[in-house]
Amino acid sequence: MPSQKALIRRPSPRLAEGLVTHIEREPVDAELAMQQWEAYVGVLGAHGWETIEVEPEDDCPDSVFVEDTVVVFRNVALIARPGAESRREETAGVEEAVARLGCSVNWVWEPGTLEGGDVLKIGDTVYVGRGGRTNAAGIQQLRAAFEPLGARVVPVPVSKVLHLKSAVTALPDGTVIGHGPLVDTPSLFPRFLSVPEESGAHVVLLGGGKLLMAASAPKTAELFADLGHEPVLVDISEFEKLEGCVTCLSVRLRELYA
């Protein structure tokens, strides 16, 4: 039977030093961030996800954003090579975790850069953002790893936000959602729905029509409820100050077989 697992990594005590590129820096409350992270992990567990904690990286301020370190398609894990050099030490612990789960492990090599936040999978289509953190060589290497498994790789320009998934994610039916002003080319997606709030562009599919999303997007939550979905709201204000969102805080593994 397929099993739902999610890799998570607790926040570094140096979280407040995390990178910011497209927003103004604000003070981060590390204690509140830990509470918010624990609540987020609790929601995953309450909705049937087995959470697997990756070894912490206390000296890496951004390490809580574990999604950026790996991309998994079928049972193949592609270990990222972050475009931000300060984040490259984050990948070793994640590599160990996915290997323990039985994944076949590949790597992105120099000169390629790739961060998992730039990768949006919808069925067999893999959209990859090309922007500040992921380059053409990284996309080429992802294509080489996943196309033989049946993936269709579609590069997407990203210039207004940190990662592709800072701009867009997708609903269970495959409709891509995003806050219009932050999406470079909505026409690349067969179905695109513009949402009223920037943080409303990010959802994690919990299963059964339930959408994990940020409490900072109440109007978008109402829109999704009107469309027949069930929003599950979490407060992640401290991570949003570092350009984080609900997708960045875990790596969801739906296709591994126990």
C-alpha atoms as a PDB file:
ATOM      1  CA  MET A   1       0.000   0.000   0.000  1.00  0.00           C
ATOM      2  CA  PRO A   2       1.228   3.524  -0.728  1.00  0.00           C
ATOM      3  CA  SER A   3       2.268   5.327   2.436  1.00  0.00           C
ATOM      4  CA  GLN A   4       2.120   9.045   3.149  1.00  0.00           C
ATOM      5  CA  LYS A   5       5.320  10.257   4.723  1.00  0.00           C
ATOM      6  CA  ALA A   6       6.603  13.776   5.263  1.00  0.00           C
ATOM      7  CA  LEU A   7      10.181  14.791   5.965  1.00  0.00           C
ATOM      8  CA  ILE A   8      10.452  17.659   8.445  1.00  0.00           C
ATOM      9  CA  ARG A   9      13.356  19.425  10.137  1.00  0.00           C
ATOM     10  CA  ARG A  10      13.122  21.488  13.299  1.00  0.00           C
ATOM     11  CA  PRO A  11      14.071  25.177  13.134  1.00  0.00           C
ATOM     12  CA  SER A  12      17.664  26.184  13.779  1.00  0.00           C
ATOM     13  CA  PRO A  13      18.283  28.411  16.808  1.00  0.00           C
ATOM     14  CA  ARG A  14      19.754  30.797  14.209  1.00  0.00           C
ATOM     15  CA  LEU A  15      16.485  30.946  12.235  1.00  0.00           C
ATOM     16  CA  ALA A  16      16.298  34.746  12.511  1.00  0.00           C
ATOM     17  CA  GLU A  17      19.494  34.963  10.399  1.00  0.00           C
ATOM     18  CA  GLY A  18      17.771  33.231   7.455  1.00  0.00           C
ATOM     19  CA  LEU A  19      18.059  34.681   3.954  1.00  0.00           C
ATOM     20  CA  VAL A  20      15.585  37.196   2.563  1.00  0.00           C
ATOM     21  CA  THR A  21      15.720  38.337  -1.062  1.00  0.00           C
ATOM     22  CA  HIS A  22      12.406  39.801  -2.220  1.00  0.00           C
ATOM     23  CA  ILE A  23      11.028  41.263   1.036  1.00  0.00           C
ATOM     24  CA  GLU A  24      12.213  43.566   3.816  1.00  0.00           C
ATOM     25  CA  ARG A  25      13.800  41.849   6.813  1.00  0.00           C
ATOM     26  CA  GLU A  26      11.653  41.745   9.962  1.00  0.00           C
ATOM     27  CA  PRO A  27      12.568  40.474  13.440  1.00  0.00           C
ATOM     28  CA  VAL A  28      11.776  36.759  13.837  1.00  0.00           C
ATOM     29  CA  ASP A  29      10.577  35.365  17.183  1.00  0.00           C
ATOM     30  CA  ALA A  30      12.424  32.023  17.409  1.00  0.00           C
ATOM     31  CA  GLU A  31      10.309  30.744  20.306  1.00  0.00           C
ATOM     32  CA  LEU A  32       7.056  31.482  18.480  1.00  0.00           C
ATOM     33  CA  ALA A  33       8.502  29.923  15.328  1.00  0.00           C
ATOM     34  CA  MET A  34       9.145  26.681  17.208  1.00  0.00           C
ATOM     35  CA  GLN A  35       5.561  26.648  18.486  1.00  0.00           C
ATOM     36  CA  GLN A  36       4.255  27.271  14.983  1.00  0.00           C
ATOM     37  CA  TRP A  37       6.459  24.507  13.565  1.00  0.00           C
ATOM     38  CA  GLU A  38       5.216  22.039  16.183  1.00  0.00           C
ATOM     39  CA  ALA A  39       1.615  22.962  15.349  1.00  0.00           C
ATOM     40  CA  TYR A  40       2.317  22.473  11.615  1.00  0.00           C
ATOM     41  CA  VAL A  41       3.842  19.037  12.268  1.00  0.00           C
ATOM     42  CA  GLY A  42       0.840  18.199  14.453  1.00  0.00           C
ATOM     43  CA  VAL A  43      -1.569  18.992  11.622  1.00  0.00           C
ATOM     44  CA  LEU A  44       0.303  16.670   9.260  1.00  0.00           C
ATOM     45  CA  GLY A  45       0.157  13.874  11.827  1.00  0.00           C
ATOM     46  CA  ALA A  46      -3.543  14.469  12.535  1.00  0.00           C
ATOM     47  CA  HIS A  47      -4.301  14.021   8.820  1.00  0.00           C
ATOM     48  CA  GLY A  48      -2.588  10.675   8.399  1.00  0.00           C
ATOM     49  CA  TRP A  49       0.947  11.714   7.511  1.00  0.00           C
ATOM     50  CA  GLU A  50       3.842   9.910   9.137  1.00  0.00           C
ATOM     51  CA  THR A  51       6.399  12.616   9.902  1.00  0.00           C
ATOM     52  CA  ILE A  52      10.083  11.728   9.708  1.00  0.00           C
ATOM     53  CA  GLU A  53      12.426  14.193  11.357  1.00  0.00           C
ATOM     54  CA  VAL A  54      15.665  14.854   9.511  1.00  0.00           C
ATOM     55  CA  GLU A  55      18.738  15.450  11.693  1.00  0.00           C
ATOM     56  CA  PRO A  56      18.733  19.152  12.662  1.00  0.00           C
ATOM     57  CA  GLU A  57      21.321  21.547  11.204  1.00  0.00           C
ATOM     58  CA  ASP A  58      21.628  24.134  13.959  1.00  0.00           C
ATOM     59  CA  ASP A  59      24.305  26.135  12.107  1.00  0.00           C
ATOM     60  CA  CYS A  60      22.139  26.488   8.978  1.00  0.00           C
ATOM     61  CA  PRO A  61      19.551  29.231   9.596  1.00  0.00           C
ATOM     62  CA  ASP A  62      17.308  28.193   6.669  1.00  0.00           C
ATOM     63  CA  SER A  63      17.393  24.442   7.324  1.00  0.00           C
ATOM     64  CA  VAL A  64      13.773  24.284   8.519  1.00  0.00           C
ATOM     65  CA  PHE A  65      12.815  24.857   4.840  1.00  0.00           C
ATOM     66  CA  VAL A  66      13.576  21.223   4.139  1.00  0.00           C
ATOM     67  CA  GLU A  67      11.664  21.096   0.854  1.00  0.00           C
ATOM     68  CA  ASP A  68      14.488  22.973  -0.873  1.00  0.00           C
ATOM     69  CA  THR A  69      17.015  20.166  -0.337  1.00  0.00           C
ATOM     70  CA  VAL A  70      15.486  17.341  -2.407  1.00  0.00           C
ATOM     71  CA  VAL A  71      12.972  16.548  -5.156  1.00  0.00           C
ATOM     72  CA  VAL A  72      11.352  13.119  -5.232  1.00  0.00           C
ATOM     73  CA  PHE A  73       9.631  11.586  -8.269  1.00  0.00           C
ATOM     74  CA  ARG A  74       8.444   7.991  -8.097  1.00  0.00           C
ATOM     75  CA  ASN A  75      11.088   6.400  -5.848  1.00  0.00           C
ATOM     76  CA  VAL A  76      13.985   8.535  -7.090  1.00  0.00           C
ATOM     77  CA  ALA A  77      15.310  11.321  -4.871  1.00  0.00           C
ATOM     78  CA  LEU A  78      17.304  14.069  -6.566  1.00  0.00           C
ATOM     79  CA  ILE A  79      19.458  15.789  -3.945  1.00  0.00           C
ATOM     80  CA  ALA A  80      19.446  19.503  -4.638  1.00  0.00           C
ATOM     81  CA  ARG A  81      22.402  21.817  -5.012  1.00  0.00           C
ATOM     82  CA  PRO A  82      21.053  25.057  -3.548  1.00  0.00           C
ATOM     83  CA  GLY A  83      21.609  28.255  -5.471  1.00  0.00           C
ATOM     84  CA  ALA A  84      22.309  29.927  -2.123  1.00  0.00           C
ATOM     85  CA  GLU A  85      25.776  28.681  -1.236  1.00  0.00           C
ATOM     86  CA  SER A  86      25.109  29.090   2.494  1.00  0.00           C
ATOM     87  CA  ARG A  87      22.454  26.355   2.233  1.00  0.00           C
ATOM     88  CA  ARG A  88      24.561  23.594   0.668  1.00  0.00           C
ATOM     89  CA  GLU A  89      25.424  21.947   3.984  1.00  0.00           C
ATOM     90  CA  GLU A  90      21.710  21.237   4.509  1.00  0.00           C
ATOM     91  CA  THR A  91      21.564  18.400   1.993  1.00  0.00           C
ATOM     92  CA  ALA A  92      23.641  15.687   3.713  1.00  0.00           C
ATOM     93  CA  GLY A  93      21.108  14.894   6.447  1.00  0.00           C
ATOM     94  CA  VAL A  94      18.269  14.798   3.933  1.00  0.00           C
ATOM     95  CA  GLU A  95      20.238  12.449   1.685  1.00  0.00           C
ATOM     96  CA  GLU A  96      20.608  10.049   4.634  1.00  0.00           C
ATOM     97  CA  ALA A  97      16.880  10.266   5.410  1.00  0.00           C
ATOM     98  CA  VAL A  98      15.665   9.499   1.875  1.00  0.00           C
ATOM     99  CA  ALA A  99      18.205   6.676   1.483  1.00  0.00           C
ATOM    100  CA  ARG A 100      16.835   5.091   4.691  1.00  0.00           C
ATOM    101  CA  LEU A 101      13.361   5.245   3.157  1.00  0.00           C
ATOM    102  CA  GLY A 102      14.570   3.161   0.216  1.00  0.00           C
ATOM    103  CA  CYS A 103      14.806   5.900  -2.390  1.00  0.00           C
ATOM    104  CA  SER A 104      17.281   5.657  -5.227  1.00  0.00           C
ATOM    105  CA  VAL A 105      19.492   8.726  -4.790  1.00  0.00           C
ATOM    106  CA  ASN A 106      20.782  11.052  -7.536  1.00  0.00           C
ATOM    107  CA  TRP A 107      22.534  14.419  -7.174  1.00  0.00           C
ATOM    108  CA  VAL A 108      22.635  17.790  -8.888  1.00  0.00           C
ATOM    109  CA  TRP A 109      26.266  18.576  -9.732  1.00  0.00           C
ATOM    110  CA  GLU A 110      28.157  21.784 -10.441  1.00  0.00           C
ATOM    111  CA  PRO A 111      27.481  23.978 -12.409  1.00  0.00           C
ATOM    112  CA  GLY A 112      23.847  23.054 -11.826  1.00  0.00           C
ATOM    113  CA  THR A 113      21.828  24.669  -9.060  1.00  0.00           C
ATOM    114  CA  LEU A 114      18.368  23.498  -8.062  1.00  0.00           C
ATOM    115  CA  GLU A 115      16.169  24.074  -5.018  1.00  0.00           C
ATOM    116  CA  GLY A 116      13.079  22.000  -4.308  1.00  0.00           C
ATOM    117  CA  GLY A 117      10.939  25.090  -3.779  1.00  0.00           C
ATOM    118  CA  ASP A 118      11.258  25.649  -7.528  1.00  0.00           C
ATOM    119  CA  VAL A 119       9.616  22.309  -8.383  1.00  0.00           C
ATOM    120  CA  LEU A 120       5.845  21.856  -8.664  1.00  0.00           C
ATOM    121  CA  LYS A 121       4.624  18.353  -9.540  1.00  0.00           C
ATOM    122  CA  ILE A 122       1.117  17.882 -10.950  1.00  0.00           C
ATOM    123  CA  GLY A 123       0.632  14.266 -11.920  1.00  0.00           C
ATOM    124  CA  ASP A 124       3.468  13.412 -14.305  1.00  0.00           C
ATOM    125  CA  THR A 125       4.108  17.057 -15.189  1.00  0.00           C
ATOM    126  CA  VAL A 126       7.026  18.635 -13.341  1.00  0.00           C
ATOM    127  CA  TYR A 127       7.146  22.431 -13.530  1.00  0.00           C
ATOM    128  CA  VAL A 128      10.576  23.842 -12.652  1.00  0.00           C
ATOM    129  CA  GLY A 129      11.156  27.504 -11.914  1.00  0.00           C
ATOM    130  CA  ARG A 130      14.220  29.093 -13.437  1.00  0.00           C
ATOM    131  CA  GLY A 131      15.186  32.120 -11.381  1.00  0.00           C
ATOM    132  CA  GLY A 132      17.533  33.204  -8.631  1.00  0.00           C
ATOM    133  CA  ARG A 133      18.063  29.766  -7.079  1.00  0.00           C
ATOM    134  CA  THR A 134      17.674  27.250  -9.937  1.00  0.00           C
ATOM    135  CA  ASN A 135      19.594  27.527 -13.210  1.00  0.00           C
ATOM    136  CA  ALA A 136      19.381  25.939 -16.662  1.00  0.00           C
ATOM    137  CA  ALA A 137      22.002  23.280 -15.842  1.00  0.00           C
ATOM    138  CA  GLY A 138      20.026  22.265 -12.748  1.00  0.00           C
ATOM    139  CA  ILE A 139      16.859  21.919 -14.808  1.00  0.00           C
ATOM    140  CA  GLN A 140      18.760  19.847 -17.380  1.00  0.00           C
ATOM    141  CA  GLN A 141      19.932  17.465 -14.655  1.00  0.00           C
ATOM    142  CA  LEU A 142      16.420  17.160 -13.217  1.00  0.00           C
ATOM    143  CA  ARG A 143      15.165  16.335 -16.698  1.00  0.00           C
ATOM    144  CA  ALA A 144      17.831  13.630 -17.068  1.00  0.00           C
ATOM    145  CA  ALA A 145      16.842  12.094 -13.723  1.00  0.00           C
ATOM    146  CA  PHE A 146      13.053  12.134 -14.094  1.00  0.00           C
ATOM    147  CA  GLU A 147      12.146  11.987 -17.800  1.00  0.00           C
ATOM    148  CA  PRO A 148      13.134   8.270 -18.011  1.00  0.00           C
ATOM    149  CA  LEU A 149      10.556   7.685 -15.231  1.00  0.00           C
ATOM    150  CA  GLY A 150       7.783   9.269 -17.294  1.00  0.00           C
ATOM    151  CA  ALA A 151       7.992  12.882 -16.154  1.00  0.00           C
ATOM    152  CA  ARG A 152       7.227  15.775 -18.498  1.00  0.00           C
ATOM    153  CA  VAL A 153       9.489  18.649 -17.424  1.00  0.00           C
ATOM    154  CA  VAL A 154       8.297  22.208 -18.085  1.00  0.00           C
ATOM    155  CA  PRO A 155      10.655  25.130 -17.260  1.00  0.00           C
ATOM    156  CA  VAL A 156       8.915  28.252 -15.910  1.00  0.00           C
ATOM    157  CA  PRO A 157      10.492  31.721 -15.553  1.00  0.00           C
ATOM    158  CA  VAL A 158      10.543  33.091 -11.989  1.00  0.00           C
ATOM    159  CA  SER A 159      11.561  36.715 -11.442  1.00  0.00           C
ATOM    160  CA  LYS A 160       9.166  38.238  -8.884  1.00  0.00           C
ATOM    161  CA  VAL A 161       9.511  35.796  -5.975  1.00  0.00           C
ATOM    162  CA  LEU A 162      12.105  33.514  -4.400  1.00  0.00           C
ATOM    163  CA  HIS A 163      10.912  30.162  -5.799  1.00  0.00           C
ATOM    164  CA  LEU A 164       8.284  28.907  -8.241  1.00  0.00           C
ATOM    165  CA  LYS A 165       6.236  27.636  -5.287  1.00  0.00           C
ATOM    166  CA  SER A 166       6.448  31.084  -3.690  1.00  0.00           C
ATOM    167  CA  ALA A 167       4.195  32.071  -6.622  1.00  0.00           C
ATOM    168  CA  VAL A 168       2.078  28.990  -7.429  1.00  0.00           C
ATOM    169  CA  THR A 169       0.916  25.623  -6.129  1.00  0.00           C
ATOM    170  CA  ALA A 170      -1.994  23.440  -7.257  1.00  0.00           C
ATOM    171  CA  LEU A 171      -5.406  22.259  -6.092  1.00  0.00           C
ATOM    172  CA  PRO A 172      -6.281  18.536  -6.044  1.00  0.00           C
ATOM    173  CA  ASP A 173      -7.794  18.721  -9.565  1.00  0.00           C
ATOM    174  CA  GLY A 174      -4.542  20.140 -10.964  1.00  0.00           C
ATOM    175  CA  THR A 175      -5.689  23.751 -11.201  1.00  0.00           C
ATOM    176  CA  VAL A 176      -2.673  25.967 -10.571  1.00  0.00           C
ATOM    177  CA  ILE A 177      -3.298  28.737  -8.044  1.00  0.00           C
ATOM    178  CA  GLY A 178      -1.325  31.926  -7.629  1.00  0.00           C
ATOM    179  CA  HIS A 179      -1.537  35.586  -6.713  1.00  0.00           C
ATOM    180  CA  GLY A 180      -1.660  37.162 -10.183  1.00  0.00           C
ATOM    181  CA  PRO A 181       0.865  40.016  -9.729  1.00  0.00           C
ATOM    182  CA  LEU A 182       3.579  37.555  -8.631  1.00  0.00           C
ATOM    183  CA  VAL A 183       3.194  34.999 -11.437  1.00  0.00           C
ATOM    184  CA  ASP A 184       5.432  35.617 -14.459  1.00  0.00           C
ATOM    185  CA  THR A 185       3.533  33.575 -17.059  1.00  0.00           C
ATOM    186  CA  PRO A 186       0.175  32.177 -15.911  1.00  0.00           C
ATOM    187  CA  SER A 187      -0.505  31.135 -19.533  1.00  0.00           C
ATOM    188  CA  LEU A 188       2.035  28.286 -19.148  1.00  0.00           C
ATOM    189  CA  PHE A 189      -0.479  26.436 -16.980  1.00  0.00           C
ATOM    190  CA  PRO A 190      -3.507  24.760 -18.626  1.00  0.00           C
ATOM    191  CA  ARG A 191      -5.780  25.954 -15.790  1.00  0.00           C
ATOM    192  CA  PHE A 192      -4.890  28.941 -13.617  1.00  0.00           C
ATOM    193  CA  LEU A 193      -6.909  30.477 -10.779  1.00  0.00           C
ATOM    194  CA  SER A 194      -5.826  33.842  -9.378  1.00  0.00           C
ATOM    195  CA  VAL A 195      -6.251  34.136  -5.597  1.00  0.00           C
ATOM    196  CA  PRO A 196      -6.745  37.386  -3.663  1.00  0.00           C
ATOM    197  CA  GLU A 197      -3.844  37.072  -1.209  1.00  0.00           C
ATOM    198  CA  GLU A 198      -0.143  36.427  -1.744  1.00  0.00           C
ATOM    199  CA  SER A 199       0.014  33.737   0.963  1.00  0.00           C
ATOM    200  CA  GLY A 200      -3.121  32.116  -0.478  1.00  0.00           C
ATOM    201  CA  ALA A 201      -1.046  30.802  -3.381  1.00  0.00           C
ATOM    202  CA  HIS A 202       0.417  28.022  -1.220  1.00  0.00           C
ATOM    203  CA  VAL A 203      -1.424  24.824  -0.298  1.00  0.00           C
ATOM    204  CA  VAL A 204      -0.345  21.372   0.826  1.00  0.00           C
ATOM    205  CA  LEU A 205      -2.767  18.633  -0.252  1.00  0.00           C
ATOM    206  CA  LEU A 206      -3.540  16.705   2.924  1.00  0.00           C
ATOM    207  CA  GLY A 207      -5.933  14.279   1.199  1.00  0.00           C
ATOM    208  CA  GLY A 208      -9.724  14.018   1.215  1.00  0.00           C
ATOM    209  CA  GLY A 209     -10.150  17.526  -0.204  1.00  0.00           C
ATOM    210  CA  LYS A 210      -8.338  19.108   2.739  1.00  0.00           C
ATOM    211  CA  LEU A 211      -5.875  21.919   2.019  1.00  0.00           C
ATOM    212  CA  LEU A 212      -3.220  22.944   4.529  1.00  0.00           C
ATOM    213  CA  MET A 213      -2.690  26.686   4.134  1.00  0.00           C
ATOM    214  CA  ALA A 214      -1.553  29.782   5.986  1.00  0.00           C
ATOM    215  CA  ALA A 215      -3.891  31.538   8.396  1.00  0.00           C
ATOM    216  CA  SER A 216      -2.752  34.819   6.780  1.00  0.00           C
ATOM    217  CA  ALA A 217      -4.983  34.144   3.735  1.00  0.00           C
ATOM    218  CA  PRO A 218      -8.580  34.098   5.077  1.00  0.00           C
ATOM    219  CA  LYS A 219     -10.175  35.414   1.859  1.00  0.00           C
ATOM    220  CA  THR A 220      -8.467  32.705  -0.196  1.00  0.00           C
ATOM    221  CA  ALA A 221      -9.538  30.071   2.343  1.00  0.00           C
ATOM    222  CA  GLU A 222     -13.123  31.249   1.878  1.00  0.00           C
ATOM    223  CA  LEU A 223     -12.733  30.996  -1.906  1.00  0.00           C
ATOM    224  CA  PHE A 224     -11.437  27.420  -1.639  1.00  0.00           C
ATOM    225  CA  ALA A 225     -14.282  26.476   0.736  1.00  0.00           C
ATOM    226  CA  ASP A 226     -16.776  27.849  -1.822  1.00  0.00           C
ATOM    227  CA  LEU A 227     -15.124  25.575  -4.418  1.00  0.00           C
ATOM    228  CA  GLY A 228     -15.783  22.537  -2.208  1.00  0.00           C
ATOM    229  CA  HIS A 229     -12.391  22.171  -0.532  1.00  0.00           C
ATOM    230  CA  GLU A 230     -11.752  22.105   3.210  1.00  0.00           C
ATOM    231  CA  PRO A 231      -9.051  24.588   4.264  1.00  0.00           C
ATOM    232  CA  VAL A 232      -6.980  23.668   7.331  1.00  0.00           C
ATOM    233  CA  LEU A 233      -5.317  26.864   8.548  1.00  0.00           C
ATOM    234  CA  VAL A 234      -1.979  27.137  10.347  1.00  0.00           C
ATOM    235  CA  ASP A 235      -0.223  30.249  11.608  1.00  0.00           C
ATOM    236  CA  ILE A 236       3.285  30.379  10.113  1.00  0.00           C
ATOM    237  CA  SER A 237       3.876  34.130  10.496  1.00  0.00           C
ATOM    238  CA  GLU A 238       7.513  33.772  11.616  1.00  0.00           C
ATOM    239  CA  PHE A 239       8.408  31.659   8.575  1.00  0.00           C
ATOM    240  CA  GLU A 240       6.592  34.033   6.222  1.00  0.00           C
ATOM    241  CA  LYS A 241       9.020  36.739   7.401  1.00  0.00           C
ATOM    242  CA  LEU A 242      11.752  34.621   5.741  1.00  0.00           C
ATOM    243  CA  GLU A 243       9.797  34.022   2.500  1.00  0.00           C
ATOM    244  CA  GLY A 244       8.662  30.630   3.779  1.00  0.00           C
ATOM    245  CA  CYS A 245       5.272  29.049   3.201  1.00  0.00           C
ATOM    246  CA  VAL A 246       3.398  25.838   4.081  1.00  0.00           C
ATOM    247  CA  THR A 247       5.036  23.834   1.294  1.00  0.00           C
ATOM    248  CA  CYS A 248       8.640  24.697   2.311  1.00  0.00           C
ATOM    249  CA  LEU A 249       8.368  23.162   5.781  1.00  0.00           C
ATOM    250  CA  SER A 250       8.070  19.530   4.655  1.00  0.00           C
ATOM    251  CA  VAL A 251       8.821  17.138   1.813  1.00  0.00           C
ATOM    252  CA  ARG A 252       5.673  15.139   1.100  1.00  0.00           C
ATOM    253  CA  LEU A 253       6.323  11.608  -0.139  1.00  0.00           C
ATOM    254  CA  ARG A 254       3.141  10.112  -1.553  1.00  0.00           C
ATOM    255  CA  GLU A 255       4.528   7.519  -3.909  1.00  0.00           C
ATOM    256  CA  LEU A 256       6.864   5.470  -1.736  1.00  0.00           C
ATOM    257  CA  TYR A 257       5.773   1.917  -1.008  1.00  0.00           C
ATOM    258  CA  ALA A 258       6.086   0.596   2.509  1.00  0.00           C
END
